[in-house]
Amino acid sequence: MQYLKDSNFPEMEGILTDTEHMLTQGRMDLPLTLCFAAMRGDDLLLRQLLKQGLDPNELDDNGRTALVCRSSFKHMT
């Protein structure tokens, strides 16, 4: 998170604020992963995390990739 703060991406400001708020409430279960971004439907965060080198084949706790999570999100909206 510190890297994202220091890099001054204006589009990340809201995400970082939300994440910090949740962490201060003791919700340490909020990782910034591709699957997390995909489930939020946050394409901007997805792109930023991919640029940072996160593995596009990472799996969530249910064995789904971010692509599968994102596809599921699109069907729900």
C-alpha atoms as a PDB file:
ATOM      1  CA  MET A   1       0.000   0.000   0.000  1.00  0.00           C
ATOM      2  CA  GLN A   2       2.817   2.378   0.767  1.00  0.00           C
ATOM      3  CA  TYR A   3       4.102   2.019  -2.785  1.00  0.00           C
ATOM      4  CA  LEU A   4       0.693   2.974  -4.178  1.00  0.00           C
ATOM      5  CA  LYS A   5       0.498   5.974  -1.838  1.00  0.00           C
ATOM      6  CA  ASP A   6       3.967   7.137  -2.822  1.00  0.00           C
ATOM      7  CA  SER A   7       3.304   6.709  -6.546  1.00  0.00           C
ATOM      8  CA  ASN A   8       0.515   9.305  -6.367  1.00  0.00           C
ATOM      9  CA  PHE A   9      -2.011   7.621  -8.651  1.00  0.00           C
ATOM     10  CA  PRO A  10      -5.028   9.939  -8.250  1.00  0.00           C
ATOM     11  CA  GLU A  11      -7.370   7.174  -9.361  1.00  0.00           C
ATOM     12  CA  MET A  12      -6.170   5.002  -6.457  1.00  0.00           C
ATOM     13  CA  GLU A  13      -6.965   7.572  -3.763  1.00  0.00           C
ATOM     14  CA  GLY A  14     -10.470   6.263  -3.023  1.00  0.00           C
ATOM     15  CA  ILE A  15      -9.366   2.650  -2.967  1.00  0.00           C
ATOM     16  CA  LEU A  16      -6.500   3.410  -0.615  1.00  0.00           C
ATOM     17  CA  THR A  17      -8.777   5.432   1.663  1.00  0.00           C
ATOM     18  CA  ASP A  18     -11.332   2.600   1.816  1.00  0.00           C
ATOM     19  CA  THR A  19      -8.605   0.038   2.448  1.00  0.00           C
ATOM     20  CA  GLU A  20      -6.995   2.069   5.228  1.00  0.00           C
ATOM     21  CA  HIS A  21     -10.379   2.606   6.842  1.00  0.00           C
ATOM     22  CA  MET A  22     -11.073  -1.131   6.871  1.00  0.00           C
ATOM     23  CA  LEU A  23      -7.604  -1.901   8.224  1.00  0.00           C
ATOM     24  CA  THR A  24      -8.000   0.611  11.062  1.00  0.00           C
ATOM     25  CA  GLN A  25     -11.214  -1.168  12.024  1.00  0.00           C
ATOM     26  CA  GLY A  26      -9.245  -4.382  12.395  1.00  0.00           C
ATOM     27  CA  ARG A  27     -10.370  -5.916   9.135  1.00  0.00           C
ATOM     28  CA  MET A  28      -7.022  -7.343   8.100  1.00  0.00           C
ATOM     29  CA  ASP A  29      -8.699  -9.738   5.663  1.00  0.00           C
ATOM     30  CA  LEU A  30      -8.662  -7.211   2.828  1.00  0.00           C
ATOM     31  CA  PRO A  31      -5.771  -8.012   0.511  1.00  0.00           C
ATOM     32  CA  LEU A  32      -5.230  -5.986  -2.625  1.00  0.00           C
ATOM     33  CA  THR A  33      -5.296  -8.887  -5.030  1.00  0.00           C
ATOM     34  CA  LEU A  34      -6.487  -9.221  -8.586  1.00  0.00           C
ATOM     35  CA  CYS A  35      -9.446 -11.289  -7.416  1.00  0.00           C
ATOM     36  CA  PHE A  36     -10.381  -8.597  -4.883  1.00  0.00           C
ATOM     37  CA  ALA A  37     -10.323  -5.951  -7.613  1.00  0.00           C
ATOM     38  CA  ALA A  38     -12.270  -8.196  -9.980  1.00  0.00           C
ATOM     39  CA  MET A  39     -14.996  -8.871  -7.421  1.00  0.00           C
ATOM     40  CA  ARG A  40     -15.321  -5.103  -6.858  1.00  0.00           C
ATOM     41  CA  GLY A  41     -15.648  -4.649 -10.601  1.00  0.00           C
ATOM     42  CA  ASP A  42     -12.767  -2.190 -10.404  1.00  0.00           C
ATOM     43  CA  ASP A  43     -11.072  -2.371 -13.800  1.00  0.00           C
ATOM     44  CA  LEU A  44      -8.748   0.513 -12.972  1.00  0.00           C
ATOM     45  CA  LEU A  45      -7.420  -1.286  -9.895  1.00  0.00           C
ATOM     46  CA  LEU A  46      -7.066  -4.475 -11.955  1.00  0.00           C
ATOM     47  CA  ARG A  47      -4.922  -2.654 -14.513  1.00  0.00           C
ATOM     48  CA  GLN A  48      -2.787  -1.022 -11.821  1.00  0.00           C
ATOM     49  CA  LEU A  49      -2.184  -4.323 -10.022  1.00  0.00           C
ATOM     50  CA  LEU A  50      -1.259  -6.035 -13.291  1.00  0.00           C
ATOM     51  CA  LYS A  51       1.183  -3.207 -14.043  1.00  0.00           C
ATOM     52  CA  GLN A  52       2.708  -3.830 -10.611  1.00  0.00           C
ATOM     53  CA  GLY A  53       3.412  -7.418 -11.658  1.00  0.00           C
ATOM     54  CA  LEU A  54       0.746  -9.405  -9.836  1.00  0.00           C
ATOM     55  CA  ASP A  55       0.238 -12.875 -11.267  1.00  0.00           C
ATOM     56  CA  PRO A  56      -2.853 -12.920 -13.550  1.00  0.00           C
ATOM     57  CA  ASN A  57      -3.214 -16.638 -12.776  1.00  0.00           C
ATOM     58  CA  GLU A  58      -3.479 -16.199  -8.997  1.00  0.00           C
ATOM     59  CA  LEU A  59      -6.377 -18.044  -7.438  1.00  0.00           C
ATOM     60  CA  ASP A  60      -8.821 -16.875  -4.806  1.00  0.00           C
ATOM     61  CA  ASP A  61      -9.883 -19.033  -1.859  1.00  0.00           C
ATOM     62  CA  ASN A  62     -12.357 -20.833  -4.131  1.00  0.00           C
ATOM     63  CA  GLY A  63      -9.798 -21.624  -6.828  1.00  0.00           C
ATOM     64  CA  ARG A  64     -11.018 -18.968  -9.274  1.00  0.00           C
ATOM     65  CA  THR A  65      -8.791 -16.636 -11.269  1.00  0.00           C
ATOM     66  CA  ALA A  66      -9.412 -12.892 -11.473  1.00  0.00           C
ATOM     67  CA  LEU A  67     -10.788 -13.374 -14.984  1.00  0.00           C
ATOM     68  CA  VAL A  68     -13.426 -15.779 -13.701  1.00  0.00           C
ATOM     69  CA  CYS A  69     -14.240 -13.443 -10.798  1.00  0.00           C
ATOM     70  CA  ARG A  70     -14.565 -10.467 -13.148  1.00  0.00           C
ATOM     71  CA  SER A  71     -16.762 -12.439 -15.519  1.00  0.00           C
ATOM     72  CA  SER A  72     -19.034 -13.407 -12.625  1.00  0.00           C
ATOM     73  CA  PHE A  73     -19.236  -9.774 -11.510  1.00  0.00           C
ATOM     74  CA  LYS A  74     -20.299  -8.617 -14.992  1.00  0.00           C
ATOM     75  CA  HIS A  75     -23.141 -11.154 -14.974  1.00  0.00           C
ATOM     76  CA  MET A  76     -24.352  -9.889 -11.586  1.00  0.00           C
ATOM     77  CA  THR A  77     -24.579  -6.236 -12.670  1.00  0.00           C
END
